[in-house]
Amino acid sequence: PRMLAGVAGGASPQEVDEALANLTDEYFTKEKPALCGNSIHSDKSHIDVELGSFAARLSYQIIDVSSLKLVAKKYLGVEYPHKSHLHFALDDIRESVDEMKFILNALGVKKFTS
């Protein structure tokens, strides 16, 4: 598979798929989680093709933080104060969560868990 082929010494795509599916089963027992992140459509496409067991556990709904940032900036005048531009997977995930919290706070949402 394209997405995972370049990870030398890493887990196989099948092992990653199984591990993500197991984590999803462990932490999301009541409903399927929505995938969330910046420009998440591309990630979702890769997941659907390469990580079928994990994909089957996800909601069809996705939350594109990039779109929410655009709406917050354009209609609320609120802009996320910084962006690291590191583009390492874990950093991107953490930054997307922080951005989502920032946007929800700007919208007046009081209860948010990550």
Protein backbone atom coordinates (compact mmCIF):
# COMPACT_ATOMS: atom_id res chain seq x y z
CA PRO A 1 0.00 0.00 0.00
CA ARG A 2 1.17 3.49 -0.88
CA MET A 3 0.60 5.24 2.44
CA LEU A 4 2.66 2.88 4.61
CA ALA A 5 5.25 1.59 2.16
CA GLY A 6 7.98 4.02 3.22
CA VAL A 7 8.07 3.17 6.94
CA ALA A 8 11.25 1.13 7.33
CA GLY A 9 11.03 -1.36 10.18
CA GLY A 10 7.51 -0.28 11.04
CA ALA A 11 4.38 -2.34 11.42
CA SER A 12 2.76 -3.82 8.35
CA PRO A 13 -0.37 -2.16 6.98
CA GLN A 14 -2.40 -5.10 8.28
CA GLU A 15 -0.94 -4.68 11.78
CA VAL A 16 -1.68 -0.94 11.74
CA ASP A 17 -5.22 -1.59 10.53
CA GLU A 18 -5.82 -4.15 13.29
CA ALA A 19 -4.30 -1.92 15.99
CA LEU A 20 -6.41 1.09 14.97
CA ALA A 21 -9.54 -1.05 14.76
CA ASN A 22 -8.87 -2.41 18.26
CA LEU A 23 -8.30 1.08 19.70
CA THR A 24 -11.51 2.28 18.11
CA ASP A 25 -13.43 -0.66 19.58
CA GLU A 26 -11.94 0.02 23.01
CA TYR A 27 -12.64 3.75 23.19
CA PHE A 28 -15.79 4.17 21.11
CA THR A 29 -18.34 1.67 22.37
CA LYS A 30 -21.56 3.62 21.83
CA GLU A 31 -21.19 5.13 18.37
CA LYS A 32 -18.80 5.35 15.47
CA PRO A 33 -16.32 8.21 15.83
CA ALA A 34 -16.05 10.93 13.22
CA LEU A 35 -12.63 11.48 11.70
CA CYS A 36 -11.45 15.02 12.43
CA GLY A 37 -8.51 17.08 11.21
CA ASN A 38 -7.20 19.65 8.78
CA SER A 39 -7.97 18.83 5.14
CA ILE A 40 -9.11 15.42 6.33
CA HIS A 41 -10.71 14.30 3.05
CA SER A 42 -7.39 13.09 1.65
CA ASP A 43 -6.61 11.15 4.83
CA LYS A 44 -10.08 9.57 4.74
CA SER A 45 -9.50 8.42 1.16
CA HIS A 46 -6.26 6.68 2.16
CA ILE A 47 -7.89 5.09 5.20
CA ASP A 48 -10.78 3.79 3.11
CA VAL A 49 -8.40 2.17 0.61
CA GLU A 50 -5.63 0.92 2.89
CA LEU A 51 -7.11 0.40 6.35
CA GLY A 52 -10.43 -1.32 5.74
CA SER A 53 -11.11 -2.66 9.24
CA PHE A 54 -10.41 0.72 10.80
CA ALA A 55 -12.43 2.52 8.10
CA ALA A 56 -15.43 0.28 8.81
CA ARG A 57 -15.47 1.51 12.41
CA LEU A 58 -15.54 5.21 11.51
CA SER A 59 -18.62 7.31 10.99
CA TYR A 60 -19.33 8.43 7.44
CA GLN A 61 -19.29 11.97 8.87
CA ILE A 62 -16.02 13.87 9.05
CA ILE A 63 -15.07 17.16 10.68
CA ASP A 64 -12.77 19.27 8.53
CA VAL A 65 -11.05 21.71 10.88
CA SER A 66 -9.76 23.70 7.88
CA SER A 67 -13.34 24.50 6.87
CA LEU A 68 -14.28 25.50 10.40
CA LYS A 69 -11.23 27.79 10.62
CA LEU A 70 -12.32 29.48 7.41
CA VAL A 71 -15.85 30.04 8.73
CA ALA A 72 -14.54 31.31 12.08
CA LYS A 73 -12.21 33.77 10.36
CA LYS A 74 -14.64 34.96 7.70
CA TYR A 75 -17.81 35.26 9.76
CA LEU A 76 -16.60 35.67 13.34
CA GLY A 77 -13.32 37.51 12.76
CA VAL A 78 -11.55 34.86 14.85
CA GLU A 79 -8.26 33.45 13.66
CA TYR A 80 -6.15 30.72 15.24
CA PRO A 81 -3.09 32.57 16.57
CA HIS A 82 -0.31 30.29 15.35
CA LYS A 83 0.49 27.42 13.04
CA SER A 84 3.69 25.39 13.37
CA HIS A 85 3.91 24.09 9.79
CA LEU A 86 5.94 21.10 11.04
CA HIS A 87 3.83 18.51 9.21
CA PHE A 88 4.82 15.56 11.37
CA ALA A 89 1.87 13.26 11.99
CA LEU A 90 1.67 13.55 15.78
CA ASP A 91 2.29 17.31 15.69
CA ASP A 92 -0.43 17.71 13.06
CA ILE A 93 -2.88 15.74 15.21
CA ARG A 94 -2.14 17.77 18.33
CA GLU A 95 -2.38 21.03 16.44
CA SER A 96 -5.71 20.05 14.86
CA VAL A 97 -7.10 19.24 18.32
CA ASP A 98 -5.88 22.58 19.66
CA GLU A 99 -7.37 24.41 16.68
CA MET A 100 -10.68 22.63 17.13
CA LYS A 101 -10.77 23.56 20.84
CA PHE A 102 -9.96 27.17 19.94
CA ILE A 103 -12.76 27.33 17.36
CA LEU A 104 -15.32 25.70 19.67
CA ASN A 105 -14.37 28.13 22.42
CA ALA A 106 -14.79 31.05 19.97
CA LEU A 107 -18.25 29.69 19.15
CA GLY A 108 -19.14 29.60 22.84
CA VAL A 109 -19.17 25.81 23.18
CA LYS A 110 -18.54 25.14 26.87
CA LYS A 111 -18.17 21.38 26.90
CA PHE A 112 -15.50 19.78 24.75
CA THR A 113 -13.52 16.63 25.44
CA SER A 114 -10.51 15.49 23.49
